[in-house]
Every structure is written in C-alpha cells, then in structure tokens.
Amino acid sequence: MVEHSPHVRLAKKAVETYVREGRVIDVPPDVPEELKNTRAGVFVSLKKNGDLRGCIGTIEPVQDNLAEEIIANAISAAVRDPRFLPVEEDELDELTYSVDVLKPPEPVSDLSELDPKRYGVIVESGGRRGLLLPDLEGVDTVEEQINIARRKAFIRPDEPVRLYRFEVIRYH
C-alpha cells in the first residue's frame, strides 16, 4: 500500500467522514505541527479512474491553519464543485487525492516569466479572478494556461488582465 502524506490522509479522512456521516471533522491531534502552525492557500483535487472528480481551493488562506484549510477544501471538492454531482459513498474507495499548498502569488510583467510546468497562473480583470494550477496534464503552453484561467473567470480573450504566478508543493 502507498503511504500518503499527512496532507492527503487528512483530506481523505475529511471527505470520507463528511460523505458517510455528514459532519466536518475536527483537526486530529496527531497531525504534524506544520499543519497546525502555518497558513496558506490550498487546492484539493479528487480523481476517479484518473479523471477529475472535484477540485476546489483557496488562493489565500481563509481558515486558521493549514489543517483546517485542507479539511474545508477537501469537503468542498467532494460535494460543492459545480462541475460535478456530489461524491457518493460508493465512490469513496475509487478516489485518489492530491493537495496543492500554494506559495504566495507574485505579479508577472511578461509571459516569459511563466512556465506551466513550474508555475500556476492567476488572471485578474475587473474583480474576476481565474486560477490554474501548475503541471496539469494536457496544459503545455503559457497561452493554454492563461486561456483556461480566463475562461474559468469569464474573462474574454480581448480583456486586459493582470497576471500572477505561484508555485505549489503538491502532495499525493
């Protein structure tokens, strides 16, 4: 059996408890101190048979610590991603999880500063923000990455945008 990171174990426990019992778990006492003492934006992605089944996250932290951020976003990925029906109990054994902890975004002044394998991208225009995580299958160019992030935020191709890049630490 594959040994998963504490981040992924926490996301999995949060989803399974919520789907089975309808309750949000407390931060378990045995989670590493790093998860209790730091704050960051977090995206939790769920896959089933290799296909995306849910992905929700926060660009900046909204919870008191990383553990609470993972719990909240894992549950949201399972039951609140508007692209998918809520995860059902009979699917739980088929899900795989990844947790991306975001480093702070940096403004980008030129496309040459972007790399879709290394950096995620945030596009902003008129109060709308779209984000795309780095190193996603099928996203090989900066242009593809920006266009997808624009579509997610309903930003037209001809609208000017502010660009930001960020790195993630991805846990499986």
N, C-alpha and C. Protein backbone atom coordinates (compact mmCIF):
# COMPACT_ATOMS: atom_id res chain seq x y z
N MET A 1 0.83 -1.19 0.00
CA MET A 1 0.00 0.00 0.00
C MET A 1 0.88 1.25 0.00
N VAL A 2 0.46 2.25 -0.74
CA VAL A 2 1.21 3.51 -0.83
C VAL A 2 1.01 4.30 0.45
N GLU A 3 2.09 4.83 0.99
CA GLU A 3 2.00 5.69 2.17
C GLU A 3 1.79 7.13 1.71
N HIS A 4 0.67 7.72 2.08
CA HIS A 4 0.34 9.06 1.65
C HIS A 4 0.84 10.09 2.65
N SER A 5 1.00 11.31 2.18
CA SER A 5 1.42 12.41 3.04
C SER A 5 0.33 12.69 4.08
N PRO A 6 0.69 13.35 5.18
CA PRO A 6 -0.32 13.74 6.18
C PRO A 6 -1.39 14.64 5.56
N HIS A 7 -1.01 15.44 4.57
CA HIS A 7 -1.95 16.35 3.90
C HIS A 7 -3.05 15.54 3.21
N VAL A 8 -2.65 14.51 2.48
CA VAL A 8 -3.60 13.69 1.74
C VAL A 8 -4.42 12.82 2.70
N ARG A 9 -3.80 12.29 3.72
CA ARG A 9 -4.55 11.48 4.70
C ARG A 9 -5.65 12.33 5.35
N LEU A 10 -5.33 13.59 5.66
CA LEU A 10 -6.31 14.48 6.27
C LEU A 10 -7.45 14.79 5.29
N ALA A 11 -7.12 15.07 4.03
CA ALA A 11 -8.16 15.34 3.02
C ALA A 11 -9.08 14.13 2.87
N LYS A 12 -8.49 12.95 2.79
CA LYS A 12 -9.27 11.72 2.61
C LYS A 12 -10.19 11.47 3.82
N LYS A 13 -9.67 11.64 5.02
CA LYS A 13 -10.49 11.45 6.23
C LYS A 13 -11.63 12.46 6.26
N ALA A 14 -11.36 13.71 5.88
CA ALA A 14 -12.39 14.75 5.88
C ALA A 14 -13.51 14.40 4.91
N VAL A 15 -13.14 13.97 3.70
CA VAL A 15 -14.14 13.63 2.69
C VAL A 15 -14.94 12.40 3.12
N GLU A 16 -14.25 11.36 3.54
CA GLU A 16 -14.95 10.13 3.89
C GLU A 16 -15.90 10.34 5.06
N THR A 17 -15.48 11.09 6.07
CA THR A 17 -16.35 11.35 7.22
C THR A 17 -17.55 12.19 6.80
N TYR A 18 -17.31 13.20 5.98
CA TYR A 18 -18.41 14.07 5.56
C TYR A 18 -19.43 13.32 4.71
N VAL A 19 -18.94 12.53 3.75
CA VAL A 19 -19.85 11.81 2.86
C VAL A 19 -20.62 10.73 3.63
N ARG A 20 -19.94 10.04 4.53
CA ARG A 20 -20.60 8.94 5.26
C ARG A 20 -21.48 9.44 6.41
N GLU A 21 -21.04 10.49 7.12
CA GLU A 21 -21.71 10.88 8.36
C GLU A 21 -22.29 12.29 8.32
N GLY A 22 -21.96 13.05 7.26
CA GLY A 22 -22.49 14.41 7.15
C GLY A 22 -21.91 15.39 8.14
N ARG A 23 -20.70 15.09 8.66
CA ARG A 23 -20.12 16.02 9.62
C ARG A 23 -18.69 16.40 9.23
N VAL A 24 -18.31 17.59 9.67
CA VAL A 24 -16.95 18.09 9.43
C VAL A 24 -16.07 17.65 10.59
N ILE A 25 -14.94 17.02 10.27
CA ILE A 25 -14.05 16.55 11.33
C ILE A 25 -13.32 17.72 11.97
N ASP A 26 -12.93 17.52 13.21
CA ASP A 26 -12.01 18.44 13.87
C ASP A 26 -10.59 18.08 13.41
N VAL A 27 -9.68 19.01 13.60
CA VAL A 27 -8.28 18.71 13.28
C VAL A 27 -7.82 17.61 14.23
N PRO A 28 -7.38 16.47 13.68
CA PRO A 28 -6.94 15.38 14.56
C PRO A 28 -5.70 15.79 15.37
N PRO A 29 -5.60 15.32 16.61
CA PRO A 29 -4.47 15.71 17.45
C PRO A 29 -3.12 15.25 16.90
N ASP A 30 -3.11 14.21 16.06
CA ASP A 30 -1.84 13.65 15.59
C ASP A 30 -1.34 14.28 14.27
N VAL A 31 -2.00 15.34 13.77
CA VAL A 31 -1.46 15.94 12.55
C VAL A 31 -0.17 16.66 12.88
N PRO A 32 0.78 16.69 11.93
CA PRO A 32 2.06 17.36 12.18
C PRO A 32 1.86 18.84 12.55
N GLU A 33 2.77 19.33 13.38
CA GLU A 33 2.71 20.73 13.84
C GLU A 33 2.67 21.70 12.66
N GLU A 34 3.37 21.38 11.58
CA GLU A 34 3.39 22.25 10.40
C GLU A 34 1.97 22.56 9.91
N LEU A 35 1.08 21.58 9.99
CA LEU A 35 -0.28 21.78 9.52
C LEU A 35 -1.11 22.63 10.50
N LYS A 36 -0.67 22.67 11.75
CA LYS A 36 -1.39 23.45 12.75
C LYS A 36 -0.85 24.87 12.88
N ASN A 37 0.41 25.07 12.48
CA ASN A 37 1.09 26.33 12.75
C ASN A 37 1.30 27.21 11.53
N THR A 38 0.87 26.78 10.35
CA THR A 38 1.06 27.60 9.16
C THR A 38 -0.28 27.85 8.49
N ARG A 39 -0.29 28.88 7.67
CA ARG A 39 -1.49 29.22 6.88
C ARG A 39 -1.05 29.36 5.43
N ALA A 40 -1.90 28.89 4.53
CA ALA A 40 -1.62 29.03 3.09
C ALA A 40 -2.89 28.70 2.33
N GLY A 41 -2.95 29.18 1.09
CA GLY A 41 -3.99 28.73 0.19
C GLY A 41 -3.76 27.28 -0.15
N VAL A 42 -4.84 26.55 -0.38
CA VAL A 42 -4.75 25.10 -0.63
C VAL A 42 -5.80 24.72 -1.66
N PHE A 43 -5.40 23.88 -2.61
CA PHE A 43 -6.36 23.25 -3.52
C PHE A 43 -6.34 21.77 -3.27
N VAL A 44 -7.52 21.17 -3.20
CA VAL A 44 -7.64 19.72 -3.06
C VAL A 44 -8.30 19.21 -4.34
N SER A 45 -7.65 18.24 -4.96
CA SER A 45 -8.16 17.63 -6.19
C SER A 45 -8.50 16.17 -5.93
N LEU A 46 -9.66 15.76 -6.42
CA LEU A 46 -10.10 14.37 -6.33
C LEU A 46 -10.16 13.80 -7.74
N LYS A 47 -9.65 12.60 -7.90
CA LYS A 47 -9.75 11.93 -9.20
C LYS A 47 -10.37 10.56 -8.98
N LYS A 48 -11.08 10.13 -10.03
CA LYS A 48 -11.68 8.80 -10.03
C LYS A 48 -11.30 8.18 -11.37
N ASN A 49 -10.64 7.04 -11.33
CA ASN A 49 -10.16 6.37 -12.54
C ASN A 49 -9.34 7.32 -13.41
N GLY A 50 -8.56 8.18 -12.76
CA GLY A 50 -7.68 9.10 -13.48
C GLY A 50 -8.35 10.37 -13.98
N ASP A 51 -9.67 10.46 -13.86
CA ASP A 51 -10.40 11.65 -14.32
C ASP A 51 -10.74 12.55 -13.14
N LEU A 52 -10.69 13.86 -13.38
CA LEU A 52 -11.03 14.81 -12.34
C LEU A 52 -12.45 14.54 -11.83
N ARG A 53 -12.60 14.53 -10.50
CA ARG A 53 -13.91 14.29 -9.88
C ARG A 53 -14.33 15.47 -9.01
N GLY A 54 -13.38 16.37 -8.76
CA GLY A 54 -13.66 17.57 -7.98
C GLY A 54 -12.37 18.28 -7.67
N CYS A 55 -12.42 19.61 -7.65
CA CYS A 55 -11.23 20.39 -7.30
C CYS A 55 -11.70 21.75 -6.83
N ILE A 56 -11.39 22.06 -5.60
CA ILE A 56 -11.76 23.34 -5.00
C ILE A 56 -10.58 23.81 -4.15
N GLY A 57 -10.39 25.11 -4.13
CA GLY A 57 -9.32 25.62 -3.30
C GLY A 57 -9.44 27.09 -3.02
N THR A 58 -8.46 27.56 -2.28
CA THR A 58 -8.37 28.96 -1.90
C THR A 58 -7.02 29.50 -2.31
N ILE A 59 -7.04 30.68 -2.94
CA ILE A 59 -5.79 31.31 -3.37
C ILE A 59 -5.01 31.80 -2.15
N GLU A 60 -5.74 32.39 -1.22
CA GLU A 60 -5.15 32.83 0.04
C GLU A 60 -5.89 32.12 1.17
N PRO A 61 -5.24 31.95 2.33
CA PRO A 61 -5.89 31.21 3.41
C PRO A 61 -7.10 31.94 3.96
N VAL A 62 -8.13 31.17 4.28
CA VAL A 62 -9.32 31.73 4.93
C VAL A 62 -9.59 31.04 6.27
N GLN A 63 -8.92 29.95 6.52
CA GLN A 63 -9.08 29.23 7.79
C GLN A 63 -7.93 29.60 8.74
N ASP A 64 -8.00 29.13 9.97
CA ASP A 64 -6.99 29.47 10.97
C ASP A 64 -5.65 28.79 10.75
N ASN A 65 -5.67 27.65 10.07
CA ASN A 65 -4.40 26.95 9.82
C ASN A 65 -4.53 26.03 8.61
N LEU A 66 -3.40 25.48 8.20
CA LEU A 66 -3.36 24.64 7.01
C LEU A 66 -4.25 23.41 7.13
N ALA A 67 -4.29 22.81 8.31
CA ALA A 67 -5.12 21.62 8.50
C ALA A 67 -6.60 21.95 8.26
N GLU A 68 -7.08 23.06 8.82
CA GLU A 68 -8.48 23.45 8.62
C GLU A 68 -8.75 23.82 7.16
N GLU A 69 -7.76 24.40 6.50
CA GLU A 69 -7.90 24.76 5.08
C GLU A 69 -8.06 23.48 4.24
N ILE A 70 -7.26 22.47 4.55
CA ILE A 70 -7.34 21.19 3.82
C ILE A 70 -8.71 20.54 4.06
N ILE A 71 -9.16 20.51 5.31
CA ILE A 71 -10.45 19.89 5.62
C ILE A 71 -11.58 20.58 4.85
N ALA A 72 -11.63 21.90 4.93
CA ALA A 72 -12.71 22.65 4.28
C ALA A 72 -12.69 22.47 2.76
N ASN A 73 -11.51 22.55 2.16
CA ASN A 73 -11.43 22.47 0.70
C ASN A 73 -11.61 21.04 0.20
N ALA A 74 -11.21 20.06 0.99
CA ALA A 74 -11.44 18.66 0.59
C ALA A 74 -12.95 18.38 0.53
N ILE A 75 -13.68 18.83 1.56
CA ILE A 75 -15.13 18.62 1.57
C ILE A 75 -15.77 19.37 0.40
N SER A 76 -15.35 20.60 0.17
CA SER A 76 -15.90 21.37 -0.95
C SER A 76 -15.61 20.68 -2.29
N ALA A 77 -14.41 20.15 -2.46
CA ALA A 77 -14.07 19.46 -3.71
C ALA A 77 -14.99 18.25 -3.92
N ALA A 78 -15.35 17.59 -2.82
CA ALA A 78 -16.19 16.39 -2.92
C ALA A 78 -17.66 16.71 -3.16
N VAL A 79 -18.16 17.78 -2.58
CA VAL A 79 -19.61 17.98 -2.63
C VAL A 79 -20.06 19.34 -3.17
N ARG A 80 -19.12 20.27 -3.42
CA ARG A 80 -19.54 21.61 -3.84
C ARG A 80 -18.93 22.07 -5.15
N ASP A 81 -18.18 21.24 -5.83
CA ASP A 81 -17.64 21.64 -7.13
C ASP A 81 -18.81 21.66 -8.12
N PRO A 82 -19.14 22.85 -8.67
CA PRO A 82 -20.34 22.95 -9.50
C PRO A 82 -20.27 22.15 -10.81
N ARG A 83 -19.08 21.68 -11.15
CA ARG A 83 -18.93 20.90 -12.39
C ARG A 83 -19.36 19.45 -12.23
N PHE A 84 -19.53 19.01 -10.98
CA PHE A 84 -19.78 17.59 -10.72
C PHE A 84 -20.91 17.42 -9.71
N LEU A 85 -21.57 16.27 -9.77
CA LEU A 85 -22.50 15.89 -8.72
C LEU A 85 -21.70 15.57 -7.46
N PRO A 86 -22.29 15.72 -6.29
CA PRO A 86 -21.57 15.38 -5.05
C PRO A 86 -21.10 13.92 -5.05
N VAL A 87 -19.93 13.71 -4.47
CA VAL A 87 -19.39 12.36 -4.32
C VAL A 87 -20.35 11.54 -3.45
N GLU A 88 -20.56 10.30 -3.85
CA GLU A 88 -21.42 9.40 -3.09
C GLU A 88 -20.58 8.35 -2.38
N GLU A 89 -21.16 7.76 -1.37
CA GLU A 89 -20.42 6.83 -0.52
C GLU A 89 -19.80 5.67 -1.32
N ASP A 90 -20.52 5.17 -2.32
CA ASP A 90 -20.00 4.03 -3.08
C ASP A 90 -18.80 4.39 -3.97
N GLU A 91 -18.47 5.66 -4.09
CA GLU A 91 -17.31 6.08 -4.88
C GLU A 91 -16.04 6.24 -4.05
N LEU A 92 -16.18 6.30 -2.74
CA LEU A 92 -15.05 6.69 -1.89
C LEU A 92 -13.81 5.84 -2.10
N ASP A 93 -13.97 4.54 -2.27
CA ASP A 93 -12.81 3.66 -2.42
C ASP A 93 -12.08 3.86 -3.75
N GLU A 94 -12.75 4.52 -4.70
CA GLU A 94 -12.14 4.71 -6.03
C GLU A 94 -11.43 6.06 -6.16
N LEU A 95 -11.52 6.91 -5.15
CA LEU A 95 -10.96 8.26 -5.26
C LEU A 95 -9.47 8.28 -4.93
N THR A 96 -8.75 9.12 -5.66
CA THR A 96 -7.38 9.46 -5.30
C THR A 96 -7.35 10.96 -5.04
N TYR A 97 -6.43 11.38 -4.20
CA TYR A 97 -6.39 12.75 -3.72
C TYR A 97 -5.03 13.38 -4.01
N SER A 98 -5.04 14.67 -4.29
CA SER A 98 -3.80 15.44 -4.23
C SER A 98 -4.12 16.77 -3.55
N VAL A 99 -3.14 17.26 -2.82
CA VAL A 99 -3.27 18.51 -2.09
C VAL A 99 -2.14 19.42 -2.54
N ASP A 100 -2.50 20.59 -3.07
CA ASP A 100 -1.53 21.59 -3.50
C ASP A 100 -1.53 22.73 -2.51
N VAL A 101 -0.40 22.95 -1.86
CA VAL A 101 -0.24 24.08 -0.95
C VAL A 101 0.42 25.20 -1.74
N LEU A 102 -0.26 26.34 -1.83
CA LEU A 102 0.20 27.44 -2.67
C LEU A 102 1.20 28.31 -1.93
N LYS A 103 2.25 28.67 -2.65
CA LYS A 103 3.15 29.70 -2.17
C LYS A 103 2.55 31.05 -2.57
N PRO A 104 2.93 32.14 -1.92
CA PRO A 104 2.32 33.43 -2.23
C PRO A 104 2.48 33.82 -3.71
N PRO A 105 1.41 34.36 -4.33
CA PRO A 105 1.48 34.78 -5.73
C PRO A 105 2.41 35.97 -5.92
N GLU A 106 3.05 36.01 -7.10
CA GLU A 106 3.92 37.12 -7.49
C GLU A 106 3.39 37.72 -8.78
N PRO A 107 3.38 39.06 -8.88
CA PRO A 107 2.96 39.69 -10.14
C PRO A 107 3.91 39.33 -11.27
N VAL A 108 3.36 39.23 -12.47
CA VAL A 108 4.14 38.89 -13.66
C VAL A 108 4.01 40.06 -14.65
N SER A 109 5.13 40.50 -15.18
CA SER A 109 5.07 41.61 -16.13
C SER A 109 5.26 41.14 -17.57
N ASP A 110 5.73 39.91 -17.75
CA ASP A 110 5.98 39.41 -19.09
C ASP A 110 5.72 37.91 -19.12
N LEU A 111 5.16 37.43 -20.24
CA LEU A 111 4.83 35.99 -20.35
C LEU A 111 6.05 35.10 -20.19
N SER A 112 7.24 35.64 -20.48
CA SER A 112 8.45 34.83 -20.36
C SER A 112 8.72 34.42 -18.91
N GLU A 113 8.05 35.07 -17.96
CA GLU A 113 8.22 34.74 -16.55
C GLU A 113 7.34 33.56 -16.14
N LEU A 114 6.51 33.06 -17.05
CA LEU A 114 5.61 31.95 -16.76
C LEU A 114 6.15 30.65 -17.32
N ASP A 115 5.80 29.56 -16.69
CA ASP A 115 6.14 28.21 -17.14
C ASP A 115 5.04 27.29 -16.60
N PRO A 116 4.18 26.75 -17.48
CA PRO A 116 3.02 25.98 -16.99
C PRO A 116 3.40 24.71 -16.21
N LYS A 117 4.62 24.24 -16.36
CA LYS A 117 5.04 23.06 -15.59
C LYS A 117 5.46 23.44 -14.18
N ARG A 118 6.03 24.65 -14.02
CA ARG A 118 6.55 25.07 -12.72
C ARG A 118 5.58 25.97 -11.95
N TYR A 119 4.91 26.88 -12.67
CA TYR A 119 4.09 27.89 -12.01
C TYR A 119 2.61 27.72 -12.36
N GLY A 120 1.76 27.94 -11.35
CA GLY A 120 0.35 28.15 -11.61
C GLY A 120 0.18 29.60 -12.03
N VAL A 121 -1.00 29.91 -12.56
CA VAL A 121 -1.24 31.28 -13.01
C VAL A 121 -2.58 31.76 -12.46
N ILE A 122 -2.61 33.05 -12.14
CA ILE A 122 -3.84 33.73 -11.75
C ILE A 122 -4.03 34.87 -12.73
N VAL A 123 -5.23 34.98 -13.28
CA VAL A 123 -5.56 36.12 -14.14
C VAL A 123 -6.65 36.92 -13.43
N GLU A 124 -6.52 38.25 -13.49
CA GLU A 124 -7.49 39.13 -12.85
C GLU A 124 -7.94 40.20 -13.82
N SER A 125 -9.21 40.50 -13.79
CA SER A 125 -9.76 41.61 -14.57
C SER A 125 -11.08 42.02 -13.94
N GLY A 126 -11.17 43.29 -13.59
CA GLY A 126 -12.44 43.82 -13.09
C GLY A 126 -13.06 43.05 -11.95
N GLY A 127 -12.28 42.62 -11.00
CA GLY A 127 -12.83 41.90 -9.85
C GLY A 127 -13.01 40.41 -10.06
N ARG A 128 -12.78 39.93 -11.27
CA ARG A 128 -12.87 38.49 -11.53
C ARG A 128 -11.47 37.89 -11.50
N ARG A 129 -11.38 36.69 -10.95
CA ARG A 129 -10.09 36.02 -10.86
C ARG A 129 -10.23 34.58 -11.29
N GLY A 130 -9.32 34.15 -12.12
CA GLY A 130 -9.26 32.75 -12.51
C GLY A 130 -7.90 32.19 -12.19
N LEU A 131 -7.86 30.93 -11.79
CA LEU A 131 -6.61 30.30 -11.39
C LEU A 131 -6.48 28.96 -12.08
N LEU A 132 -5.26 28.63 -12.46
CA LEU A 132 -4.97 27.30 -12.96
C LEU A 132 -3.70 26.81 -12.28
N LEU A 133 -3.79 25.61 -11.72
CA LEU A 133 -2.64 25.02 -11.04
C LEU A 133 -1.54 24.67 -12.05
N PRO A 134 -0.31 24.54 -11.59
CA PRO A 134 0.78 24.16 -12.49
C PRO A 134 0.80 22.66 -12.77
N ASP A 135 1.53 22.32 -13.81
CA ASP A 135 1.87 20.93 -14.11
C ASP A 135 0.63 20.05 -14.24
N LEU A 136 -0.32 20.54 -15.05
CA LEU A 136 -1.53 19.76 -15.31
C LEU A 136 -1.40 19.04 -16.65
N GLU A 137 -1.86 17.82 -16.69
CA GLU A 137 -1.81 17.02 -17.91
C GLU A 137 -2.57 17.74 -19.03
N GLY A 138 -1.93 17.85 -20.19
CA GLY A 138 -2.58 18.47 -21.34
C GLY A 138 -2.43 19.98 -21.43
N VAL A 139 -1.83 20.59 -20.43
CA VAL A 139 -1.59 22.04 -20.46
C VAL A 139 -0.08 22.24 -20.60
N ASP A 140 0.33 22.52 -21.84
CA ASP A 140 1.76 22.54 -22.14
C ASP A 140 2.32 23.92 -22.46
N THR A 141 1.46 24.90 -22.73
CA THR A 141 1.97 26.23 -23.08
C THR A 141 1.40 27.29 -22.14
N VAL A 142 2.13 28.38 -22.05
CA VAL A 142 1.67 29.52 -21.24
C VAL A 142 0.33 30.02 -21.77
N GLU A 143 0.18 30.08 -23.08
CA GLU A 143 -1.06 30.57 -23.68
C GLU A 143 -2.25 29.70 -23.31
N GLU A 144 -2.08 28.37 -23.36
CA GLU A 144 -3.17 27.46 -22.95
C GLU A 144 -3.54 27.71 -21.50
N GLN A 145 -2.53 27.83 -20.66
CA GLN A 145 -2.74 28.02 -19.23
C GLN A 145 -3.53 29.31 -18.98
N ILE A 146 -3.14 30.39 -19.61
CA ILE A 146 -3.81 31.68 -19.43
C ILE A 146 -5.24 31.62 -19.97
N ASN A 147 -5.41 31.01 -21.14
CA ASN A 147 -6.75 30.93 -21.74
C ASN A 147 -7.72 30.13 -20.86
N ILE A 148 -7.26 29.04 -20.28
CA ILE A 148 -8.12 28.25 -19.40
C ILE A 148 -8.48 29.06 -18.16
N ALA A 149 -7.49 29.73 -17.58
CA ALA A 149 -7.75 30.55 -16.38
C ALA A 149 -8.73 31.68 -16.71
N ARG A 150 -8.61 32.28 -17.90
CA ARG A 150 -9.55 33.32 -18.34
C ARG A 150 -10.98 32.77 -18.41
N ARG A 151 -11.11 31.60 -19.04
CA ARG A 151 -12.46 31.00 -19.19
C ARG A 151 -13.07 30.71 -17.82
N LYS A 152 -12.26 30.23 -16.88
CA LYS A 152 -12.78 29.92 -15.55
C LYS A 152 -13.33 31.16 -14.86
N ALA A 153 -12.76 32.34 -15.18
CA ALA A 153 -13.19 33.60 -14.55
C ALA A 153 -14.14 34.39 -15.44
N PHE A 154 -14.53 33.82 -16.58
CA PHE A 154 -15.40 34.51 -17.54
C PHE A 154 -14.78 35.83 -18.00
N ILE A 155 -13.47 35.79 -18.26
CA ILE A 155 -12.76 36.95 -18.80
C ILE A 155 -12.55 36.72 -20.29
N ARG A 156 -13.07 37.64 -21.09
CA ARG A 156 -12.97 37.50 -22.55
C ARG A 156 -11.51 37.57 -23.00
N PRO A 157 -11.20 36.95 -24.16
CA PRO A 157 -9.82 36.96 -24.67
C PRO A 157 -9.29 38.37 -24.94
N ASP A 158 -10.18 39.34 -25.25
CA ASP A 158 -9.71 40.68 -25.58
C ASP A 158 -9.63 41.61 -24.36
N GLU A 159 -10.02 41.12 -23.18
CA GLU A 159 -9.97 41.97 -21.98
C GLU A 159 -8.54 41.99 -21.43
N PRO A 160 -8.07 43.17 -21.02
CA PRO A 160 -6.75 43.21 -20.38
C PRO A 160 -6.80 42.52 -19.02
N VAL A 161 -5.72 41.87 -18.66
CA VAL A 161 -5.65 41.15 -17.38
C VAL A 161 -4.34 41.46 -16.66
N ARG A 162 -4.41 41.33 -15.35
CA ARG A 162 -3.19 41.31 -14.54
C ARG A 162 -2.85 39.84 -14.33
N LEU A 163 -1.59 39.52 -14.42
CA LEU A 163 -1.15 38.13 -14.27
C LEU A 163 -0.30 37.97 -13.02
N TYR A 164 -0.48 36.83 -12.38
CA TYR A 164 0.34 36.46 -11.23
C TYR A 164 0.76 35.01 -11.43
N ARG A 165 1.90 34.69 -10.88
CA ARG A 165 2.34 33.29 -10.90
C ARG A 165 2.53 32.84 -9.46
N PHE A 166 2.46 31.53 -9.27
CA PHE A 166 2.70 30.97 -7.94
C PHE A 166 3.23 29.56 -8.11
N GLU A 167 3.97 29.12 -7.12
CA GLU A 167 4.43 27.74 -7.08
C GLU A 167 3.58 26.99 -6.06
N VAL A 168 3.57 25.68 -6.17
CA VAL A 168 2.86 24.85 -5.21
C VAL A 168 3.77 23.75 -4.71
N ILE A 169 3.44 23.26 -3.54
CA ILE A 169 4.00 22.00 -3.08
C ILE A 169 2.86 21.01 -3.18
N ARG A 170 3.04 20.01 -4.04
CA ARG A 170 1.96 19.05 -4.34
C ARG A 170 2.20 17.76 -3.54
N TYR A 171 1.17 17.38 -2.83
CA TYR A 171 1.22 16.15 -2.02
C TYR A 171 0.25 15.13 -2.61
N HIS A 172 0.72 13.88 -2.67
CA HIS A 172 -0.13 12.78 -3.18
C HIS A 172 -0.33 11.76 -2.06
